């Protein structure tokens, strides 16, 4: 379990750094005790992100499913590896080609 936590932290950290390099202010929700792992702010906008990673072609997600959380946009961000980081509205099954590339979304 400790290795999974480390992996999760590394993925969250790399996504946070990517966002920060594009001008976003990012707060990590330590311990993932809430629905969102990252709270992201830019130009008066605030979005919430749940971060996942997998090496498989499909991710099955069992978390929060609404498009908004407390009135703020909520997104699922999945690192499929090799730079393929996708962002989508929450859904229970996500293929590695669905959604938008995170680098395109954050620009």
N, C-alpha and C. Protein backbone atom coordinates (compact mmCIF):
# COMPACT_ATOMS: atom_id res chain seq x y z
N UNK A 1 0.82 -1.19 0.00
CA UNK A 1 0.00 0.00 0.00
C UNK A 1 0.86 1.26 0.00
N UNK A 2 1.99 1.21 0.68
CA UNK A 2 2.86 2.38 0.74
C UNK A 2 3.35 2.74 -0.67
N UNK A 3 3.70 1.75 -1.49
CA UNK A 3 4.16 2.02 -2.85
C UNK A 3 3.08 2.69 -3.69
N UNK A 4 1.82 2.28 -3.51
CA UNK A 4 0.71 2.91 -4.23
C UNK A 4 0.57 4.38 -3.83
N UNK A 5 0.76 4.67 -2.55
CA UNK A 5 0.68 6.06 -2.09
C UNK A 5 1.80 6.89 -2.69
N UNK A 6 2.99 6.32 -2.72
CA UNK A 6 4.13 7.03 -3.33
C UNK A 6 3.87 7.30 -4.80
N UNK A 7 3.37 6.28 -5.50
CA UNK A 7 3.07 6.44 -6.92
C UNK A 7 2.03 7.53 -7.11
N UNK A 8 0.99 7.51 -6.31
CA UNK A 8 -0.06 8.53 -6.40
C UNK A 8 0.49 9.91 -6.14
N UNK A 9 1.36 10.04 -5.15
CA UNK A 9 1.96 11.33 -4.85
C UNK A 9 2.82 11.82 -6.01
N UNK A 10 3.60 10.91 -6.60
CA UNK A 10 4.46 11.29 -7.73
C UNK A 10 3.63 11.79 -8.91
N UNK A 11 2.54 11.09 -9.20
CA UNK A 11 1.68 11.50 -10.32
C UNK A 11 1.03 12.84 -10.02
N UNK A 12 0.51 13.02 -8.81
CA UNK A 12 -0.08 14.31 -8.42
C UNK A 12 0.95 15.42 -8.52
N UNK A 13 2.16 15.16 -8.07
CA UNK A 13 3.22 16.17 -8.09
C UNK A 13 3.58 16.55 -9.52
N UNK A 14 3.70 15.58 -10.42
CA UNK A 14 4.06 15.89 -11.80
C UNK A 14 2.96 16.69 -12.49
N UNK A 15 1.71 16.37 -12.21
CA UNK A 15 0.59 17.12 -12.79
C UNK A 15 0.54 18.52 -12.19
N UNK A 16 0.79 18.63 -10.89
CA UNK A 16 0.82 19.94 -10.25
C UNK A 16 1.90 20.82 -10.88
N UNK A 17 3.09 20.27 -11.08
CA UNK A 17 4.18 21.03 -11.69
C UNK A 17 3.84 21.46 -13.12
N UNK A 18 3.20 20.59 -13.88
CA UNK A 18 2.79 20.92 -15.24
C UNK A 18 1.81 22.10 -15.22
N UNK A 19 0.83 22.05 -14.32
CA UNK A 19 -0.13 23.14 -14.20
C UNK A 19 0.56 24.44 -13.78
N UNK A 20 1.44 24.36 -12.81
CA UNK A 20 2.14 25.55 -12.33
C UNK A 20 3.02 26.17 -13.43
N UNK A 21 3.61 25.33 -14.26
CA UNK A 21 4.43 25.83 -15.37
C UNK A 21 3.60 26.56 -16.42
N UNK A 22 2.27 26.36 -16.39
CA UNK A 22 1.36 27.04 -17.30
C UNK A 22 0.58 28.15 -16.59
N UNK A 23 1.09 28.60 -15.45
CA UNK A 23 0.51 29.76 -14.77
C UNK A 23 -0.58 29.49 -13.76
N UNK A 24 -0.90 28.25 -13.49
CA UNK A 24 -1.91 27.91 -12.50
C UNK A 24 -1.30 27.92 -11.10
N UNK A 25 -2.09 28.29 -10.12
CA UNK A 25 -1.75 28.11 -8.71
C UNK A 25 -2.46 26.84 -8.28
N UNK A 26 -1.71 25.94 -7.65
CA UNK A 26 -2.27 24.63 -7.33
C UNK A 26 -2.05 24.31 -5.86
N UNK A 27 -3.12 23.83 -5.22
CA UNK A 27 -3.05 23.38 -3.84
C UNK A 27 -3.37 21.89 -3.83
N UNK A 28 -2.49 21.13 -3.23
CA UNK A 28 -2.70 19.68 -3.11
C UNK A 28 -3.50 19.41 -1.84
N UNK A 29 -4.56 18.64 -1.98
CA UNK A 29 -5.36 18.23 -0.82
C UNK A 29 -4.67 17.01 -0.21
N UNK A 30 -3.84 17.23 0.79
CA UNK A 30 -3.04 16.17 1.40
C UNK A 30 -3.84 14.98 1.88
N UNK A 31 -3.36 13.81 1.59
CA UNK A 31 -3.97 12.59 2.06
C UNK A 31 -5.18 12.14 1.28
N UNK A 32 -5.60 12.94 0.29
CA UNK A 32 -6.76 12.60 -0.54
C UNK A 32 -7.97 12.22 0.30
N UNK A 33 -8.22 12.97 1.34
CA UNK A 33 -9.35 12.66 2.21
C UNK A 33 -10.66 13.20 1.66
N UNK A 34 -10.59 14.09 0.68
CA UNK A 34 -11.79 14.64 0.07
C UNK A 34 -11.98 14.09 -1.32
N UNK A 35 -12.89 14.72 -2.06
CA UNK A 35 -13.18 14.27 -3.42
C UNK A 35 -12.07 14.66 -4.40
N UNK A 36 -11.42 15.81 -4.17
CA UNK A 36 -10.42 16.32 -5.11
C UNK A 36 -9.01 16.16 -4.55
N UNK A 37 -8.08 15.85 -5.44
CA UNK A 37 -6.66 15.78 -5.07
C UNK A 37 -5.99 17.15 -5.23
N UNK A 38 -6.41 17.89 -6.27
CA UNK A 38 -5.81 19.19 -6.55
C UNK A 38 -6.89 20.26 -6.69
N UNK A 39 -6.62 21.42 -6.13
CA UNK A 39 -7.46 22.60 -6.31
C UNK A 39 -6.62 23.56 -7.15
N UNK A 40 -7.14 23.95 -8.32
CA UNK A 40 -6.36 24.71 -9.30
C UNK A 40 -7.01 26.06 -9.56
N UNK A 41 -6.19 27.13 -9.51
CA UNK A 41 -6.68 28.49 -9.66
C UNK A 41 -5.90 29.22 -10.75
N UNK A 42 -6.65 29.97 -11.59
CA UNK A 42 -6.01 30.80 -12.61
C UNK A 42 -7.02 31.81 -13.14
N UNK A 43 -6.63 33.07 -13.17
CA UNK A 43 -7.46 34.13 -13.74
C UNK A 43 -8.89 34.13 -13.21
N UNK A 44 -9.04 33.96 -11.91
CA UNK A 44 -10.36 33.98 -11.30
C UNK A 44 -11.16 32.70 -11.44
N UNK A 45 -10.57 31.68 -12.05
CA UNK A 45 -11.23 30.38 -12.22
C UNK A 45 -10.69 29.42 -11.17
N UNK A 46 -11.55 28.53 -10.72
CA UNK A 46 -11.15 27.48 -9.78
C UNK A 46 -11.72 26.16 -10.27
N UNK A 47 -10.87 25.17 -10.43
CA UNK A 47 -11.33 23.83 -10.81
C UNK A 47 -10.75 22.80 -9.84
N UNK A 48 -11.47 21.72 -9.70
CA UNK A 48 -11.06 20.62 -8.83
C UNK A 48 -10.69 19.42 -9.69
N UNK A 49 -9.63 18.71 -9.29
CA UNK A 49 -9.18 17.55 -10.06
C UNK A 49 -8.96 16.34 -9.17
N UNK A 50 -9.48 15.22 -9.61
CA UNK A 50 -9.18 13.92 -9.01
C UNK A 50 -8.16 13.28 -9.93
N UNK A 51 -7.01 12.87 -9.40
CA UNK A 51 -5.91 12.35 -10.19
C UNK A 51 -5.82 10.83 -10.05
N UNK A 52 -5.70 10.15 -11.19
CA UNK A 52 -5.53 8.70 -11.21
C UNK A 52 -4.42 8.36 -12.20
N UNK A 53 -3.89 7.17 -12.09
CA UNK A 53 -2.89 6.70 -13.06
C UNK A 53 -3.05 5.20 -13.27
N UNK A 54 -2.70 4.78 -14.47
CA UNK A 54 -2.76 3.37 -14.82
C UNK A 54 -1.87 3.12 -16.02
N UNK A 55 -1.40 1.90 -16.16
CA UNK A 55 -0.65 1.51 -17.34
C UNK A 55 -1.56 0.77 -18.32
N UNK A 56 -2.79 0.53 -17.92
CA UNK A 56 -3.74 -0.21 -18.75
C UNK A 56 -4.40 0.74 -19.75
N UNK A 57 -5.07 0.19 -20.74
CA UNK A 57 -5.76 0.99 -21.76
C UNK A 57 -7.08 1.54 -21.23
N UNK A 58 -7.61 0.96 -20.17
CA UNK A 58 -8.89 1.38 -19.62
C UNK A 58 -8.76 1.60 -18.12
N UNK A 59 -9.35 2.69 -17.65
CA UNK A 59 -9.42 2.95 -16.21
C UNK A 59 -10.87 2.85 -15.78
N UNK A 60 -11.13 2.10 -14.71
CA UNK A 60 -12.46 2.03 -14.11
C UNK A 60 -12.44 2.91 -12.87
N UNK A 61 -13.33 3.89 -12.85
CA UNK A 61 -13.35 4.90 -11.78
C UNK A 61 -14.62 4.73 -10.96
N UNK A 62 -14.46 4.69 -9.63
CA UNK A 62 -15.59 4.47 -8.73
C UNK A 62 -15.83 5.65 -7.79
N UNK A 63 -15.22 6.79 -8.07
CA UNK A 63 -15.31 7.94 -7.19
C UNK A 63 -16.48 8.86 -7.51
N UNK A 64 -16.29 10.10 -7.15
CA UNK A 64 -17.30 11.14 -7.33
C UNK A 64 -17.63 11.31 -8.81
N UNK A 65 -18.93 11.37 -9.15
CA UNK A 65 -19.34 11.33 -10.55
C UNK A 65 -19.98 12.61 -11.08
N UNK A 66 -20.22 13.61 -10.27
CA UNK A 66 -20.87 14.82 -10.76
C UNK A 66 -19.87 15.73 -11.45
N UNK A 67 -20.37 16.57 -12.37
CA UNK A 67 -19.52 17.51 -13.10
C UNK A 67 -19.11 18.70 -12.25
N UNK A 68 -19.83 18.91 -11.15
CA UNK A 68 -19.50 20.02 -10.24
C UNK A 68 -19.47 19.49 -8.82
N UNK A 69 -18.60 20.10 -8.01
CA UNK A 69 -18.53 19.78 -6.59
C UNK A 69 -18.61 21.12 -5.85
N UNK A 70 -19.64 21.28 -5.05
CA UNK A 70 -19.87 22.54 -4.34
C UNK A 70 -19.86 23.73 -5.30
N UNK A 71 -20.41 23.52 -6.50
CA UNK A 71 -20.52 24.58 -7.48
C UNK A 71 -19.28 24.80 -8.34
N UNK A 72 -18.21 24.08 -8.09
CA UNK A 72 -16.97 24.23 -8.84
C UNK A 72 -16.80 23.08 -9.84
N UNK A 73 -16.24 23.36 -11.02
CA UNK A 73 -16.03 22.29 -12.00
C UNK A 73 -15.12 21.19 -11.43
N UNK A 74 -15.52 19.95 -11.66
CA UNK A 74 -14.80 18.79 -11.15
C UNK A 74 -14.38 17.92 -12.33
N UNK A 75 -13.09 17.58 -12.38
CA UNK A 75 -12.56 16.79 -13.49
C UNK A 75 -11.80 15.57 -12.98
N UNK A 76 -11.80 14.56 -13.81
CA UNK A 76 -10.99 13.36 -13.61
C UNK A 76 -9.78 13.48 -14.53
N UNK A 77 -8.58 13.38 -13.97
CA UNK A 77 -7.35 13.45 -14.75
C UNK A 77 -6.63 12.11 -14.60
N UNK A 78 -6.33 11.47 -15.74
CA UNK A 78 -5.71 10.15 -15.70
C UNK A 78 -4.40 10.17 -16.47
N UNK A 79 -3.35 9.74 -15.79
CA UNK A 79 -2.04 9.57 -16.42
C UNK A 79 -1.95 8.12 -16.90
N UNK A 80 -2.04 7.94 -18.23
CA UNK A 80 -1.94 6.61 -18.81
C UNK A 80 -0.49 6.25 -19.13
N UNK A 81 0.44 7.14 -18.80
CA UNK A 81 1.86 6.89 -19.04
C UNK A 81 2.32 7.44 -20.37
N UNK A 82 3.63 7.60 -20.48
CA UNK A 82 4.28 8.06 -21.72
C UNK A 82 3.73 9.41 -22.19
N UNK A 83 3.41 10.30 -21.24
CA UNK A 83 2.92 11.64 -21.59
C UNK A 83 1.46 11.71 -21.96
N UNK A 84 0.76 10.60 -21.90
CA UNK A 84 -0.67 10.57 -22.24
C UNK A 84 -1.50 10.85 -20.99
N UNK A 85 -1.65 12.13 -20.67
CA UNK A 85 -2.42 12.54 -19.50
C UNK A 85 -3.71 13.15 -20.01
N UNK A 86 -4.84 12.52 -19.70
CA UNK A 86 -6.14 12.92 -20.22
C UNK A 86 -6.99 13.55 -19.12
N UNK A 87 -7.85 14.51 -19.52
CA UNK A 87 -8.78 15.13 -18.59
C UNK A 87 -10.19 14.98 -19.15
N UNK A 88 -11.11 14.56 -18.29
CA UNK A 88 -12.50 14.33 -18.70
C UNK A 88 -13.45 14.68 -17.55
N UNK A 89 -14.71 14.84 -17.89
CA UNK A 89 -15.73 14.88 -16.86
C UNK A 89 -15.77 13.47 -16.25
N UNK A 90 -16.08 13.36 -14.97
CA UNK A 90 -16.05 12.03 -14.33
C UNK A 90 -16.95 11.02 -15.05
N UNK A 91 -16.41 9.83 -15.24
CA UNK A 91 -17.18 8.72 -15.80
C UNK A 91 -16.60 7.42 -15.28
N UNK A 92 -17.38 6.37 -15.30
CA UNK A 92 -16.97 5.13 -14.66
C UNK A 92 -15.95 4.32 -15.47
N UNK A 93 -15.92 4.52 -16.79
CA UNK A 93 -14.99 3.77 -17.63
C UNK A 93 -14.36 4.75 -18.62
N UNK A 94 -13.04 4.79 -18.63
CA UNK A 94 -12.33 5.73 -19.49
C UNK A 94 -11.24 5.01 -20.27
N UNK A 95 -11.26 5.18 -21.58
CA UNK A 95 -10.22 4.62 -22.45
C UNK A 95 -9.08 5.63 -22.60
N UNK A 96 -7.90 5.15 -22.94
CA UNK A 96 -6.71 6.00 -22.98
C UNK A 96 -6.68 7.00 -24.14
N UNK A 97 -7.71 7.04 -24.97
CA UNK A 97 -7.78 8.02 -26.06
C UNK A 97 -8.94 8.99 -25.86
N UNK A 98 -9.72 8.82 -24.80
CA UNK A 98 -10.89 9.67 -24.57
C UNK A 98 -10.50 10.95 -23.84
N UNK A 99 -11.36 11.93 -23.94
CA UNK A 99 -11.13 13.19 -23.27
C UNK A 99 -10.12 14.03 -24.03
N UNK A 100 -9.58 15.01 -23.34
CA UNK A 100 -8.64 15.96 -23.93
C UNK A 100 -7.28 15.80 -23.25
N UNK A 101 -6.24 16.02 -24.02
CA UNK A 101 -4.90 15.99 -23.43
C UNK A 101 -4.83 17.13 -22.41
N UNK A 102 -4.27 16.87 -21.24
CA UNK A 102 -4.19 17.87 -20.19
C UNK A 102 -3.42 19.11 -20.66
N UNK A 103 -2.34 18.94 -21.40
CA UNK A 103 -1.55 20.10 -21.83
C UNK A 103 -2.37 21.03 -22.73
N UNK A 104 -3.28 20.49 -23.51
CA UNK A 104 -4.15 21.33 -24.35
C UNK A 104 -5.20 22.03 -23.49
N UNK A 105 -5.73 21.33 -22.51
CA UNK A 105 -6.78 21.88 -21.63
C UNK A 105 -6.27 23.06 -20.81
N UNK A 106 -5.05 22.98 -20.31
CA UNK A 106 -4.58 24.00 -19.36
C UNK A 106 -4.03 25.25 -20.04
N UNK A 107 -3.89 25.25 -21.34
CA UNK A 107 -3.34 26.43 -22.03
C UNK A 107 -4.30 27.58 -22.07
